[in-house]
Every structure is written in structure tokens, then in C-alpha cells.
Protein backbone atom coordinates (compact mmCIF):
# COMPACT_ATOMS: atom_id res chain seq x y z
CA UNK A 1 6.79 13.35 -3.74
CA UNK A 2 9.33 13.64 -0.79
CA UNK A 3 13.09 14.96 -2.07
CA UNK A 4 16.10 15.32 -0.09
CA UNK A 5 19.60 16.54 -1.43
CA UNK A 6 22.04 14.05 -1.44
CA UNK A 7 25.97 15.20 -0.73
CA UNK A 8 26.65 11.61 -3.10
CA UNK A 9 26.76 10.47 -6.27
CA UNK A 10 23.73 8.71 -7.38
CA UNK A 11 25.25 5.53 -7.37
CA UNK A 12 25.85 6.25 -4.31
CA UNK A 13 23.28 7.29 -2.77
CA UNK A 14 21.35 4.00 -3.83
CA UNK A 15 24.33 2.05 -2.56
CA UNK A 16 23.53 3.26 0.45
CA UNK A 17 20.38 2.79 0.57
CA UNK A 18 20.37 -0.95 -0.79
CA UNK A 19 23.09 -1.90 1.66
CA UNK A 20 20.52 -0.57 4.59
CA UNK A 21 17.72 -2.92 2.93
CA UNK A 22 19.68 -5.93 3.17
CA UNK A 23 21.19 -4.94 6.85
CA UNK A 24 17.76 -4.61 7.95
CA UNK A 25 16.63 -8.04 5.67
CA UNK A 26 14.30 -5.83 3.39
CA UNK A 27 13.65 -7.61 -0.70
CA UNK A 28 15.29 -6.00 -3.06
CA UNK A 29 13.41 -6.33 -5.84
CA UNK A 30 15.37 -4.32 -8.39
CA UNK A 31 17.39 -1.85 -9.19
CA UNK A 32 17.04 0.05 -12.56
CA UNK A 33 20.15 2.54 -14.06
CA UNK A 34 18.02 5.00 -16.58
CA UNK A 35 20.84 6.59 -17.78
CA UNK A 36 22.08 3.38 -18.58
CA UNK A 37 18.95 2.26 -20.34
CA UNK A 38 19.13 5.21 -22.57
CA UNK A 39 22.80 4.50 -23.50
CA UNK A 40 22.11 0.90 -24.51
CA UNK A 41 19.88 2.66 -26.99
CA UNK A 42 22.06 5.45 -28.08
CA UNK A 43 19.80 8.20 -25.82
CA UNK A 44 21.45 10.44 -23.15
CA UNK A 45 20.00 11.09 -19.44
CA UNK A 46 21.97 12.55 -16.73
CA UNK A 47 22.90 9.96 -13.68
CA UNK A 48 19.49 8.30 -12.47
CA UNK A 49 18.57 5.17 -10.64
CA UNK A 50 15.61 3.63 -9.12
CA UNK A 51 15.64 0.87 -6.66
CA UNK A 52 12.31 -1.01 -5.65
CA UNK A 53 12.05 -3.04 -2.70
CA UNK A 54 9.07 -4.47 -0.21
CA UNK A 55 8.11 -5.71 2.55
CA UNK A 56 5.32 -8.04 2.02
CA UNK A 57 3.94 -7.51 6.26
CA UNK A 58 3.60 -3.90 5.37
CA UNK A 59 2.37 -3.98 1.28
CA UNK A 60 0.01 -7.12 1.79
CA UNK A 61 -2.61 -5.08 3.81
CA UNK A 62 -2.14 -2.26 1.50
CA UNK A 63 -2.90 -4.57 -1.85
CA UNK A 64 -5.46 -6.47 0.35
CA UNK A 65 -7.62 -2.85 0.73
CA UNK A 66 -7.29 -2.14 -2.89
CA UNK A 67 -5.66 -4.25 -5.47
CA UNK A 68 -4.80 -1.34 -7.61
CA UNK A 69 -2.24 -0.25 -5.32
CA UNK A 70 0.06 -2.82 -6.01
CA UNK A 71 0.83 -0.52 -9.75
CA UNK A 72 3.12 1.26 -7.23
CA UNK A 73 4.05 -1.13 -4.67
CA UNK A 74 6.46 -2.58 -3.73
CA UNK A 75 7.70 1.17 -2.85
CA UNK A 76 10.06 2.76 -5.00
CA UNK A 77 12.82 5.53 -4.46
CA UNK A 78 14.61 7.68 -7.24
CA UNK A 79 18.01 9.23 -7.09
CA UNK A 80 18.86 11.37 -10.06
CA UNK A 81 21.05 14.35 -10.80
CA UNK A 82 19.86 17.81 -11.68
CA UNK A 83 20.97 19.77 -14.55
CA UNK A 84 23.17 21.67 -11.62
CA UNK A 85 25.10 18.78 -10.99
CA UNK A 86 23.43 18.02 -7.89
CA UNK A 87 22.09 15.17 -6.49
CA UNK A 88 18.43 14.11 -4.93
CA UNK A 89 16.22 11.38 -3.98
CA UNK A 90 12.94 11.11 -3.65
CA UNK A 91 9.38 8.86 -3.30
CA UNK A 92 5.91 9.20 -3.32
CA UNK A 93 4.44 9.87 0.02
CA UNK A 94 2.75 6.54 1.48
CA UNK A 95 0.16 8.74 2.73
CA UNK A 96 -0.25 10.02 -0.46
CA UNK A 97 -1.07 6.37 -2.32
CA UNK A 98 -3.03 6.00 1.05
CA UNK A 99 -5.99 8.46 -0.35
CA UNK A 100 -5.10 8.18 -4.01
CA UNK A 101 -5.55 4.12 -3.62
CA UNK A 102 -8.72 4.98 -1.05
CA UNK A 103 -6.58 2.29 1.96
CA UNK A 104 -6.58 5.04 4.52
CA UNK A 105 -7.59 2.46 7.55
CA UNK A 106 -4.73 0.62 6.67
CA UNK A 107 -3.05 3.53 8.98
CA UNK A 108 -0.81 1.36 11.08
CA UNK A 109 0.85 -0.08 7.81
CA UNK A 110 1.68 3.76 5.79
CA UNK A 111 3.21 4.90 9.13
CA UNK A 112 5.53 2.05 9.26
CA UNK A 113 6.31 2.27 5.53
CA UNK A 114 6.49 5.86 5.90
CA UNK A 115 8.82 5.57 8.62
CA UNK A 116 10.98 3.29 6.93
CA UNK A 117 11.14 5.79 3.96
CA UNK A 118 12.06 8.70 6.50
CA UNK A 119 15.09 6.68 8.20
CA UNK A 120 16.26 4.88 5.16
CA UNK A 121 16.96 8.23 3.11
CA UNK A 122 17.94 10.25 5.59
CA UNK A 123 20.76 7.72 6.16
CA UNK A 124 21.79 7.59 2.84
CA UNK A 125 22.28 11.43 2.35
CA UNK A 126 24.29 11.54 5.43
CA UNK A 127 27.67 13.21 4.78
């Protein structure tokens, strides 16, 4: 997993990624608040949110190569607060997914997804 520290709260970190996605016209599939879900069943978690988003032009070639990669696509970015109160943002490296699902021949799509994830998360964690 590629992780980066964020100077922002979990909510602000995910808000920043979501805003950047909307500005780029990238579809947001879902935003899941793990801590809120835990609270609904009387349990507690430190702040943690998951953002699921994708671009079918990039993901479809990977799924055509191996439909099983569909379990990990669309892309997911997780922001969480650790026990020390630090906030992190992370995602599975697209190259790892390509290896896991044997779609390494889709180099262009993997590189583009990697670049988008790097750009989005880098911008989100800027002060």
C-alpha cells in the first residue's frame, strides 16, 4: 500500500480528493465512513473514510484482461487516523494489482491510473 501523511483531518483529506475528482470529471462511485458505520452498531473506530472512484476508459482494459480485477476496481483511496492522532491516506499500487491479476500487458492504463492516484493524493495532503 502506498501511504502518505496528511496534515488535514480524515474528512478534509477525502473532501480534497473528492473535489479534485469532480474537477477532472472522474466518476465518484461511493464514499464510505467506516467510523460512522461502526457508531451505528454501537462500536467505535478512529476516523476512517474510503472513497471509491473510477474512469472506465482506464479500468476497462484491465478488466478485459482479467475480469477478476473487478473486485479491486474502481479504485479505492482510504484516509484514516492512527492511534497517535496522525492522519494518513493510502491506496493499493496499481502496478501491484496488475501483477496480482496478471494484466501487466496493460502498461499504459496502469501508468495512467498510477499517475492520477499520485497526483490526487499529493494534492490532498498539501498544507
